[in-house]
Amino acid sequence: MSKNTALSPETVVVQCEGNVVSDMDGEKVMFNLEQGKYYNLGQVGGDIWSLIESPRTVQALIVSLQEIYEIDAEICEQDVMPFLQHLLSEGLIRIDGPQ
């Protein structure tokens, strides 16, 4: 699956292995062992990371975030999709199942 694949609400995403994640002052930071890169996921990004520990559709992720942060679905999707796309392009998450 190409890292440039466009995500949709029906896309199932999951964390890739090979990342060490720690909490630092309420935010999640991650080190990718393969690439030797550090990432600061922040608080919301850390919540997203935790939610995709097991395969989950983007839509289900958005619904979960709406419940946590009491945010409008459209605004949540506008914020989450680019974040997930970045994680995908960095090889930190993968698409699970056929697309």
PDB file of N, CA and C in Angstrom:
ATOM      1  N   MET A   1       0.847  -1.184   0.000  1.00  0.00           N
ATOM      2  CA  MET A   1       0.000   0.000   0.000  1.00  0.00           C
ATOM      3  C   MET A   1       0.887   1.240   0.000  1.00  0.00           C
ATOM      4  N   SER A   2       0.623   2.141  -0.878  1.00  0.00           N
ATOM      5  CA  SER A   2       1.418   3.358  -1.015  1.00  0.00           C
ATOM      6  C   SER A   2       1.242   4.264   0.197  1.00  0.00           C
ATOM      7  N   LYS A   3       2.324   4.889   0.619  1.00  0.00           N
ATOM      8  CA  LYS A   3       2.254   5.848   1.717  1.00  0.00           C
ATOM      9  C   LYS A   3       1.504   7.105   1.302  1.00  0.00           C
ATOM     10  N   ASN A   4       1.274   7.292   0.009  1.00  0.00           N
ATOM     11  CA  ASN A   4       0.566   8.475  -0.485  1.00  0.00           C
ATOM     12  C   ASN A   4      -0.916   8.221  -0.696  1.00  0.00           C
ATOM     13  N   THR A   5      -1.418   7.073  -0.255  1.00  0.00           N
ATOM     14  CA  THR A   5      -2.818   6.740  -0.408  1.00  0.00           C
ATOM     15  C   THR A   5      -3.677   7.751   0.336  1.00  0.00           C
ATOM     16  N   ALA A   6      -4.724   8.227  -0.320  1.00  0.00           N
ATOM     17  CA  ALA A   6      -5.639   9.163   0.324  1.00  0.00           C
ATOM     18  C   ALA A   6      -6.521   8.413   1.315  1.00  0.00           C
ATOM     19  N   LEU A   7      -6.704   8.999   2.459  1.00  0.00           N
ATOM     20  CA  LEU A   7      -7.541   8.401   3.488  1.00  0.00           C
ATOM     21  C   LEU A   7      -8.975   8.864   3.326  1.00  0.00           C
ATOM     22  N   SER A   8      -9.903   8.016   3.718  1.00  0.00           N
ATOM     23  CA  SER A   8     -11.322   8.366   3.737  1.00  0.00           C
ATOM     24  C   SER A   8     -11.876   7.954   5.095  1.00  0.00           C
ATOM     25  N   PRO A   9     -13.094   8.363   5.425  1.00  0.00           N
ATOM     26  CA  PRO A   9     -13.678   7.959   6.708  1.00  0.00           C
ATOM     27  C   PRO A   9     -13.777   6.439   6.875  1.00  0.00           C
ATOM     28  N   GLU A  10     -13.858   5.712   5.774  1.00  0.00           N
ATOM     29  CA  GLU A  10     -13.992   4.246   5.841  1.00  0.00           C
ATOM     30  C   GLU A  10     -12.650   3.528   5.946  1.00  0.00           C
ATOM     31  N   THR A  11     -11.544   4.249   5.754  1.00  0.00           N
ATOM     32  CA  THR A  11     -10.216   3.656   5.821  1.00  0.00           C
ATOM     33  C   THR A  11      -9.943   3.154   7.234  1.00  0.00           C
ATOM     34  N   VAL A  12      -9.396   1.954   7.334  1.00  0.00           N
ATOM     35  CA  VAL A  12      -9.006   1.391   8.630  1.00  0.00           C
ATOM     36  C   VAL A  12      -7.511   1.618   8.798  1.00  0.00           C
ATOM     37  N   VAL A  13      -7.146   2.273   9.900  1.00  0.00           N
ATOM     38  CA  VAL A  13      -5.741   2.564  10.180  1.00  0.00           C
ATOM     39  C   VAL A  13      -5.331   1.912  11.492  1.00  0.00           C
ATOM     40  N   VAL A  14      -4.028   1.663  11.610  1.00  0.00           N
ATOM     41  CA  VAL A  14      -3.475   1.064  12.824  1.00  0.00           C
ATOM     42  C   VAL A  14      -2.018   1.484  12.944  1.00  0.00           C
ATOM     43  N   GLN A  15      -1.518   1.509  14.170  1.00  0.00           N
ATOM     44  CA  GLN A  15      -0.116   1.836  14.406  1.00  0.00           C
ATOM     45  C   GLN A  15       0.794   0.821  13.726  1.00  0.00           C
ATOM     46  N   CYS A  16       1.938   1.282  13.286  1.00  0.00           N
ATOM     47  CA  CYS A  16       2.998   0.378  12.833  1.00  0.00           C
ATOM     48  C   CYS A  16       3.865   0.043  14.040  1.00  0.00           C
ATOM     49  N   GLU A  17       4.523  -1.096  13.965  1.00  0.00           N
ATOM     50  CA  GLU A  17       5.432  -1.487  15.033  1.00  0.00           C
ATOM     51  C   GLU A  17       6.763  -0.744  14.866  1.00  0.00           C
ATOM     52  N   GLY A  18       7.561  -0.771  15.907  1.00  0.00           N
ATOM     53  CA  GLY A  18       8.891  -0.172  15.826  1.00  0.00           C
ATOM     54  C   GLY A  18       8.957   1.238  16.354  1.00  0.00           C
ATOM     55  N   ASN A  19       7.977   1.621  17.179  1.00  0.00           N
ATOM     56  CA  ASN A  19       7.968   2.957  17.763  1.00  0.00           C
ATOM     57  C   ASN A  19       7.967   2.848  19.280  1.00  0.00           C
ATOM     58  N   VAL A  20       8.770   3.670  19.914  1.00  0.00           N
ATOM     59  CA  VAL A  20       8.798   3.742  21.366  1.00  0.00           C
ATOM     60  C   VAL A  20       8.092   5.035  21.749  1.00  0.00           C
ATOM     61  N   VAL A  21       7.028   4.918  22.551  1.00  0.00           N
ATOM     62  CA  VAL A  21       6.209   6.080  22.904  1.00  0.00           C
ATOM     63  C   VAL A  21       6.260   6.290  24.415  1.00  0.00           C
ATOM     64  N   SER A  22       6.421   7.549  24.822  1.00  0.00           N
ATOM     65  CA  SER A  22       6.461   7.902  26.240  1.00  0.00           C
ATOM     66  C   SER A  22       5.598   9.132  26.483  1.00  0.00           C
ATOM     67  N   ASP A  23       5.120   9.254  27.722  1.00  0.00           N
ATOM     68  CA  ASP A  23       4.410  10.463  28.133  1.00  0.00           C
ATOM     69  C   ASP A  23       5.417  11.446  28.694  1.00  0.00           C
ATOM     70  N   MET A  24       5.275  12.710  28.261  1.00  0.00           N
ATOM     71  CA  MET A  24       6.170  13.755  28.751  1.00  0.00           C
ATOM     72  C   MET A  24       5.325  14.998  29.009  1.00  0.00           C
ATOM     73  N   ASP A  25       5.089  15.278  30.277  1.00  0.00           N
ATOM     74  CA  ASP A  25       4.300  16.447  30.671  1.00  0.00           C
ATOM     75  C   ASP A  25       2.941  16.480  29.992  1.00  0.00           C
ATOM     76  N   GLY A  26       2.240  15.341  29.939  1.00  0.00           N
ATOM     77  CA  GLY A  26       0.898  15.284  29.385  1.00  0.00           C
ATOM     78  C   GLY A  26       0.840  15.134  27.875  1.00  0.00           C
ATOM     79  N   GLU A  27       1.981  15.092  27.218  1.00  0.00           N
ATOM     80  CA  GLU A  27       2.020  14.908  25.774  1.00  0.00           C
ATOM     81  C   GLU A  27       2.767  13.620  25.464  1.00  0.00           C
ATOM     82  N   LYS A  28       2.439  13.030  24.328  1.00  0.00           N
ATOM     83  CA  LYS A  28       3.146  11.817  23.913  1.00  0.00           C
ATOM     84  C   LYS A  28       4.266  12.192  22.955  1.00  0.00           C
ATOM     85  N   VAL A  29       5.429  11.607  23.214  1.00  0.00           N
ATOM     86  CA  VAL A  29       6.561  11.730  22.307  1.00  0.00           C
ATOM     87  C   VAL A  29       6.913  10.327  21.841  1.00  0.00           C
ATOM     88  N   MET A  30       7.392  10.232  20.612  1.00  0.00           N
ATOM     89  CA  MET A  30       7.643   8.937  20.018  1.00  0.00           C
ATOM     90  C   MET A  30       8.996   8.944  19.332  1.00  0.00           C
ATOM     91  N   PHE A  31       9.672   7.807  19.422  1.00  0.00           N
ATOM     92  CA  PHE A  31      10.917   7.609  18.706  1.00  0.00           C
ATOM     93  C   PHE A  31      10.713   6.434  17.767  1.00  0.00           C
ATOM     94  N   ASN A  32      10.953   6.664  16.470  1.00  0.00           N
ATOM     95  CA  ASN A  32      10.841   5.606  15.476  1.00  0.00           C
ATOM     96  C   ASN A  32      12.208   4.956  15.348  1.00  0.00           C
ATOM     97  N   LEU A  33      12.282   3.684  15.738  1.00  0.00           N
ATOM     98  CA  LEU A  33      13.556   2.967  15.757  1.00  0.00           C
ATOM     99  C   LEU A  33      14.155   2.812  14.368  1.00  0.00           C
ATOM    100  N   GLU A  34      13.316   2.528  13.380  1.00  0.00           N
ATOM    101  CA  GLU A  34      13.806   2.294  12.019  1.00  0.00           C
ATOM    102  C   GLU A  34      14.402   3.551  11.400  1.00  0.00           C
ATOM    103  N   GLN A  35      13.712   4.671  11.573  1.00  0.00           N
ATOM    104  CA  GLN A  35      14.147   5.920  10.948  1.00  0.00           C
ATOM    105  C   GLN A  35      15.083   6.741  11.837  1.00  0.00           C
ATOM    106  N   GLY A  36      15.088   6.438  13.134  1.00  0.00           N
ATOM    107  CA  GLY A  36      15.892   7.221  14.062  1.00  0.00           C
ATOM    108  C   GLY A  36      15.363   8.632  14.246  1.00  0.00           C
ATOM    109  N   LYS A  37      14.041   8.803  14.138  1.00  0.00           N
ATOM    110  CA  LYS A  37      13.424  10.125  14.259  1.00  0.00           C
ATOM    111  C   LYS A  37      12.553  10.203  15.501  1.00  0.00           C
ATOM    112  N   TYR A  38      12.525  11.411  16.087  1.00  0.00           N
ATOM    113  CA  TYR A  38      11.631  11.703  17.199  1.00  0.00           C
ATOM    114  C   TYR A  38      10.423  12.473  16.684  1.00  0.00           C
ATOM    115  N   TYR A  39       9.270  12.243  17.309  1.00  0.00           N
ATOM    116  CA  TYR A  39       8.038  12.957  16.976  1.00  0.00           C
ATOM    117  C   TYR A  39       7.379  13.385  18.276  1.00  0.00           C
ATOM    118  N   ASN A  40       6.888  14.617  18.311  1.00  0.00           N
ATOM    119  CA  ASN A  40       6.058  15.067  19.427  1.00  0.00           C
ATOM    120  C   ASN A  40       4.613  15.013  18.940  1.00  0.00           C
ATOM    121  N   LEU A  41       3.860  14.075  19.483  1.00  0.00           N
ATOM    122  CA  LEU A  41       2.472  13.912  19.048  1.00  0.00           C
ATOM    123  C   LEU A  41       1.533  14.888  19.738  1.00  0.00           C
ATOM    124  N   GLY A  42       1.963  15.488  20.841  1.00  0.00           N
ATOM    125  CA  GLY A  42       1.099  16.380  21.594  1.00  0.00           C
ATOM    126  C   GLY A  42       0.032  15.596  22.339  1.00  0.00           C
ATOM    127  N   GLN A  43      -0.874  16.301  22.958  1.00  0.00           N
ATOM    128  CA  GLN A  43      -1.920  15.632  23.735  1.00  0.00           C
ATOM    129  C   GLN A  43      -2.953  14.977  22.826  1.00  0.00           C
ATOM    130  N   VAL A  44      -3.499  15.722  21.868  1.00  0.00           N
ATOM    131  CA  VAL A  44      -4.526  15.164  20.977  1.00  0.00           C
ATOM    132  C   VAL A  44      -3.921  14.080  20.090  1.00  0.00           C
ATOM    133  N   GLY A  45      -2.746  14.336  19.548  1.00  0.00           N
ATOM    134  CA  GLY A  45      -2.077  13.329  18.739  1.00  0.00           C
ATOM    135  C   GLY A  45      -1.788  12.071  19.540  1.00  0.00           C
ATOM    136  N   GLY A  46      -1.467  12.249  20.816  1.00  0.00           N
ATOM    137  CA  GLY A  46      -1.254  11.109  21.698  1.00  0.00           C
ATOM    138  C   GLY A  46      -2.526  10.310  21.903  1.00  0.00           C
ATOM    139  N   ASP A  47      -3.646  11.017  22.023  1.00  0.00           N
ATOM    140  CA  ASP A  47      -4.938  10.323  22.144  1.00  0.00           C
ATOM    141  C   ASP A  47      -5.255   9.566  20.862  1.00  0.00           C
ATOM    142  N   ILE A  48      -4.982  10.172  19.725  1.00  0.00           N
ATOM    143  CA  ILE A  48      -5.195   9.493  18.443  1.00  0.00           C
ATOM    144  C   ILE A  48      -4.326   8.248  18.388  1.00  0.00           C
ATOM    145  N   TRP A  49      -3.061   8.389  18.764  1.00  0.00           N
ATOM    146  CA  TRP A  49      -2.136   7.262  18.734  1.00  0.00           C
ATOM    147  C   TRP A  49      -2.669   6.106  19.599  1.00  0.00           C
ATOM    148  N   SER A  50      -3.147   6.429  20.786  1.00  0.00           N
ATOM    149  CA  SER A  50      -3.683   5.399  21.675  1.00  0.00           C
ATOM    150  C   SER A  50      -4.916   4.721  21.072  1.00  0.00           C
ATOM    151  N   LEU A  51      -5.762   5.506  20.435  1.00  0.00           N
ATOM    152  CA  LEU A  51      -6.999   4.967  19.864  1.00  0.00           C
ATOM    153  C   LEU A  51      -6.745   4.039  18.680  1.00  0.00           C
ATOM    154  N   ILE A  52      -5.624   4.227  17.988  1.00  0.00           N
ATOM    155  CA  ILE A  52      -5.347   3.362  16.836  1.00  0.00           C
ATOM    156  C   ILE A  52      -4.334   2.266  17.172  1.00  0.00           C
ATOM    157  N   GLU A  53      -4.249   1.927  18.446  1.00  0.00           N
ATOM    158  CA  GLU A  53      -3.408   0.806  18.853  1.00  0.00           C
ATOM    159  C   GLU A  53      -3.919  -0.479  18.199  1.00  0.00           C
ATOM    160  N   SER A  54      -5.232  -0.570  18.051  1.00  0.00           N
ATOM    161  CA  SER A  54      -5.831  -1.668  17.289  1.00  0.00           C
ATOM    162  C   SER A  54      -6.533  -1.039  16.085  1.00  0.00           C
ATOM    163  N   PRO A  55      -6.741  -1.820  15.029  1.00  0.00           N
ATOM    164  CA  PRO A  55      -7.335  -1.260  13.805  1.00  0.00           C
ATOM    165  C   PRO A  55      -8.673  -0.562  14.070  1.00  0.00           C
ATOM    166  N   ARG A  56      -8.827   0.608  13.451  1.00  0.00           N
ATOM    167  CA  ARG A  56     -10.037   1.419  13.654  1.00  0.00           C
ATOM    168  C   ARG A  56     -10.271   2.239  12.398  1.00  0.00           C
ATOM    169  N   THR A  57     -11.522   2.394  12.020  1.00  0.00           N
ATOM    170  CA  THR A  57     -11.810   3.259  10.879  1.00  0.00           C
ATOM    171  C   THR A  57     -11.557   4.703  11.283  1.00  0.00           C
ATOM    172  N   VAL A  58     -11.256   5.513  10.291  1.00  0.00           N
ATOM    173  CA  VAL A  58     -11.066   6.936  10.545  1.00  0.00           C
ATOM    174  C   VAL A  58     -12.354   7.517  11.130  1.00  0.00           C
ATOM    175  N   GLN A  59     -13.504   7.084  10.632  1.00  0.00           N
ATOM    176  CA  GLN A  59     -14.789   7.578  11.139  1.00  0.00           C
ATOM    177  C   GLN A  59     -14.959   7.236  12.621  1.00  0.00           C
ATOM    178  N   ALA A  60     -14.642   6.006  13.009  1.00  0.00           N
ATOM    179  CA  ALA A  60     -14.758   5.613  14.419  1.00  0.00           C
ATOM    180  C   ALA A  60     -13.797   6.429  15.281  1.00  0.00           C
ATOM    181  N   LEU A  61     -12.631   6.710  14.759  1.00  0.00           N
ATOM    182  CA  LEU A  61     -11.659   7.547  15.462  1.00  0.00           C
ATOM    183  C   LEU A  61     -12.225   8.945  15.687  1.00  0.00           C
ATOM    184  N   ILE A  62     -12.822   9.509  14.656  1.00  0.00           N
ATOM    185  CA  ILE A  62     -13.412  10.849  14.759  1.00  0.00           C
ATOM    186  C   ILE A  62     -14.535  10.865  15.789  1.00  0.00           C
ATOM    187  N   VAL A  63     -15.382   9.843  15.782  1.00  0.00           N
ATOM    188  CA  VAL A  63     -16.475   9.757  16.762  1.00  0.00           C
ATOM    189  C   VAL A  63     -15.910   9.705  18.179  1.00  0.00           C
ATOM    190  N   SER A  64     -14.872   8.911  18.391  1.00  0.00           N
ATOM    191  CA  SER A  64     -14.242   8.824  19.714  1.00  0.00           C
ATOM    192  C   SER A  64     -13.676  10.176  20.145  1.00  0.00           C
ATOM    193  N   LEU A  65     -13.007  10.866  19.219  1.00  0.00           N
ATOM    194  CA  LEU A  65     -12.446  12.181  19.541  1.00  0.00           C
ATOM    195  C   LEU A  65     -13.533  13.209  19.827  1.00  0.00           C
ATOM    196  N   GLN A  66     -14.659  13.114  19.118  1.00  0.00           N
ATOM    197  CA  GLN A  66     -15.781  14.013  19.384  1.00  0.00           C
ATOM    198  C   GLN A  66     -16.276  13.835  20.811  1.00  0.00           C
ATOM    199  N   GLU A  67     -16.330  12.599  21.272  1.00  0.00           N
ATOM    200  CA  GLU A  67     -16.781  12.331  22.635  1.00  0.00           C
ATOM    201  C   GLU A  67     -15.788  12.854  23.655  1.00  0.00           C
ATOM    202  N   ILE A  68     -14.505  12.689  23.384  1.00  0.00           N
ATOM    203  CA  ILE A  68     -13.468  13.134  24.316  1.00  0.00           C
ATOM    204  C   ILE A  68     -13.409  14.653  24.384  1.00  0.00           C
ATOM    205  N   TYR A  69     -13.422  15.329  23.218  1.00  0.00           N
ATOM    206  CA  TYR A  69     -13.174  16.763  23.157  1.00  0.00           C
ATOM    207  C   TYR A  69     -14.412  17.617  22.890  1.00  0.00           C
ATOM    208  N   GLU A  70     -15.570  16.973  22.733  1.00  0.00           N
ATOM    209  CA  GLU A  70     -16.811  17.705  22.464  1.00  0.00           C
ATOM    210  C   GLU A  70     -16.618  18.697  21.311  1.00  0.00           C
ATOM    211  N   ILE A  71     -16.215  18.171  20.175  1.00  0.00           N
ATOM    212  CA  ILE A  71     -15.924  18.979  18.991  1.00  0.00           C
ATOM    213  C   ILE A  71     -16.857  18.572  17.852  1.00  0.00           C
ATOM    214  N   ASP A  72     -17.144  19.499  16.973  1.00  0.00           N
ATOM    215  CA  ASP A  72     -17.973  19.258  15.804  1.00  0.00           C
ATOM    216  C   ASP A  72     -17.298  18.235  14.883  1.00  0.00           C
ATOM    217  N   ALA A  73     -18.089  17.336  14.316  1.00  0.00           N
ATOM    218  CA  ALA A  73     -17.563  16.257  13.462  1.00  0.00           C
ATOM    219  C   ALA A  73     -16.773  16.800  12.273  1.00  0.00           C
ATOM    220  N   GLU A  74     -17.276  17.826  11.623  1.00  0.00           N
ATOM    221  CA  GLU A  74     -16.603  18.377  10.441  1.00  0.00           C
ATOM    222  C   GLU A  74     -15.251  18.986  10.802  1.00  0.00           C
ATOM    223  N   ILE A  75     -15.212  19.738  11.885  1.00  0.00           N
ATOM    224  CA  ILE A  75     -13.959  20.344  12.332  1.00  0.00           C
ATOM    225  C   ILE A  75     -12.975  19.255  12.740  1.00  0.00           C
ATOM    226  N   CYS A  76     -13.466  18.251  13.442  1.00  0.00           N
ATOM    227  CA  CYS A  76     -12.616  17.145  13.872  1.00  0.00           C
ATOM    228  C   CYS A  76     -12.013  16.440  12.658  1.00  0.00           C
ATOM    229  N   GLU A  77     -12.833  16.155  11.662  1.00  0.00           N
ATOM    230  CA  GLU A  77     -12.337  15.487  10.460  1.00  0.00           C
ATOM    231  C   GLU A  77     -11.297  16.348   9.743  1.00  0.00           C
ATOM    232  N   GLN A  78     -11.534  17.662   9.672  1.00  0.00           N
ATOM    233  CA  GLN A  78     -10.591  18.570   9.008  1.00  0.00           C
ATOM    234  C   GLN A  78      -9.243  18.588   9.708  1.00  0.00           C
ATOM    235  N   ASP A  79      -9.238  18.374  11.013  1.00  0.00           N
ATOM    236  CA  ASP A  79      -7.982  18.356  11.772  1.00  0.00           C
ATOM    237  C   ASP A  79      -7.319  16.979  11.764  1.00  0.00           C
ATOM    238  N   VAL A  80      -8.125  15.936  11.841  1.00  0.00           N
ATOM    239  CA  VAL A  80      -7.595  14.577  11.983  1.00  0.00           C
ATOM    240  C   VAL A  80      -7.029  14.036  10.672  1.00  0.00           C
ATOM    241  N   MET A  81      -7.693  14.285   9.563  1.00  0.00           N
ATOM    242  CA  MET A  81      -7.255  13.705   8.288  1.00  0.00           C
ATOM    243  C   MET A  81      -5.822  14.098   7.920  1.00  0.00           C
ATOM    244  N   PRO A  82      -5.435  15.370   7.988  1.00  0.00           N
ATOM    245  CA  PRO A  82      -4.044  15.721   7.659  1.00  0.00           C
ATOM    246  C   PRO A  82      -3.045  15.110   8.642  1.00  0.00           C
ATOM    247  N   PHE A  83      -3.427  15.014   9.903  1.00  0.00           N
ATOM    248  CA  PHE A  83      -2.548  14.410  10.897  1.00  0.00           C
ATOM    249  C   PHE A  83      -2.309  12.943  10.568  1.00  0.00           C
ATOM    250  N   LEU A  84      -3.392  12.207  10.271  1.00  0.00           N
ATOM    251  CA  LEU A  84      -3.255  10.798   9.905  1.00  0.00           C
ATOM    252  C   LEU A  84      -2.467  10.645   8.609  1.00  0.00           C
ATOM    253  N   GLN A  85      -2.715  11.532   7.662  1.00  0.00           N
ATOM    254  CA  GLN A  85      -1.992  11.468   6.389  1.00  0.00           C
ATOM    255  C   GLN A  85      -0.493  11.651   6.629  1.00  0.00           C
ATOM    256  N   HIS A  86      -0.144  12.546   7.540  1.00  0.00           N
ATOM    257  CA  HIS A  86       1.273  12.755   7.880  1.00  0.00           C
ATOM    258  C   HIS A  86       1.860  11.503   8.529  1.00  0.00           C
ATOM    259  N   LEU A  87       1.133  10.906   9.471  1.00  0.00           N
ATOM    260  CA  LEU A  87       1.606   9.675  10.103  1.00  0.00           C
ATOM    261  C   LEU A  87       1.798   8.575   9.066  1.00  0.00           C
ATOM    262  N   LEU A  88       0.879   8.505   8.104  1.00  0.00           N
ATOM    263  CA  LEU A  88       0.971   7.504   7.047  1.00  0.00           C
ATOM    264  C   LEU A  88       2.193   7.763   6.170  1.00  0.00           C
ATOM    265  N   SER A  89       2.404   9.013   5.793  1.00  0.00           N
ATOM    266  CA  SER A  89       3.537   9.345   4.919  1.00  0.00           C
ATOM    267  C   SER A  89       4.875   9.105   5.611  1.00  0.00           C
ATOM    268  N   GLU A  90       4.892   9.197   6.940  1.00  0.00           N
ATOM    269  CA  GLU A  90       6.111   8.942   7.711  1.00  0.00           C
ATOM    270  C   GLU A  90       6.297   7.454   8.001  1.00  0.00           C
ATOM    271  N   GLY A  91       5.310   6.636   7.636  1.00  0.00           N
ATOM    272  CA  GLY A  91       5.407   5.194   7.884  1.00  0.00           C
ATOM    273  C   GLY A  91       5.146   4.803   9.330  1.00  0.00           C
ATOM    274  N   LEU A  92       4.439   5.668  10.063  1.00  0.00           N
ATOM    275  CA  LEU A  92       4.146   5.412  11.473  1.00  0.00           C
ATOM    276  C   LEU A  92       2.840   4.648  11.667  1.00  0.00           C
ATOM    277  N   ILE A  93       1.938   4.775  10.712  1.00  0.00           N
ATOM    278  CA  ILE A  93       0.704   3.991  10.710  1.00  0.00           C
ATOM    279  C   ILE A  93       0.582   3.307   9.357  1.00  0.00           C
ATOM    280  N   ARG A  94      -0.308   2.325   9.302  1.00  0.00           N
ATOM    281  CA  ARG A  94      -0.567   1.651   8.026  1.00  0.00           C
ATOM    282  C   ARG A  94      -2.064   1.480   7.863  1.00  0.00           C
ATOM    283  N   ILE A  95      -2.436   1.283   6.627  1.00  0.00           N
ATOM    284  CA  ILE A  95      -3.823   0.987   6.300  1.00  0.00           C
ATOM    285  C   ILE A  95      -4.014  -0.506   6.473  1.00  0.00           C
ATOM    286  N   ASP A  96      -5.047  -0.870   7.201  1.00  0.00           N
ATOM    287  CA  ASP A  96      -5.304  -2.267   7.511  1.00  0.00           C
ATOM    288  C   ASP A  96      -6.467  -2.768   6.659  1.00  0.00           C
ATOM    289  N   GLY A  97      -6.213  -3.793   5.877  1.00  0.00           N
ATOM    290  CA  GLY A  97      -7.263  -4.367   5.045  1.00  0.00           C
ATOM    291  C   GLY A  97      -7.264  -3.786   3.650  1.00  0.00           C
ATOM    292  N   PRO A  98      -8.100  -4.349   2.774  1.00  0.00           N
ATOM    293  CA  PRO A  98      -8.155  -3.899   1.388  1.00  0.00           C
ATOM    294  C   PRO A  98      -8.768  -2.510   1.264  1.00  0.00           C
ATOM    295  N   GLN A  99      -8.302  -1.780   0.232  1.00  0.00           N
ATOM    296  CA  GLN A  99      -8.848  -0.434  -0.021  1.00  0.00           C
ATOM    297  C   GLN A  99      -9.421  -0.364  -1.414  1.00  0.00           C
TER     298      GLN A  99
END
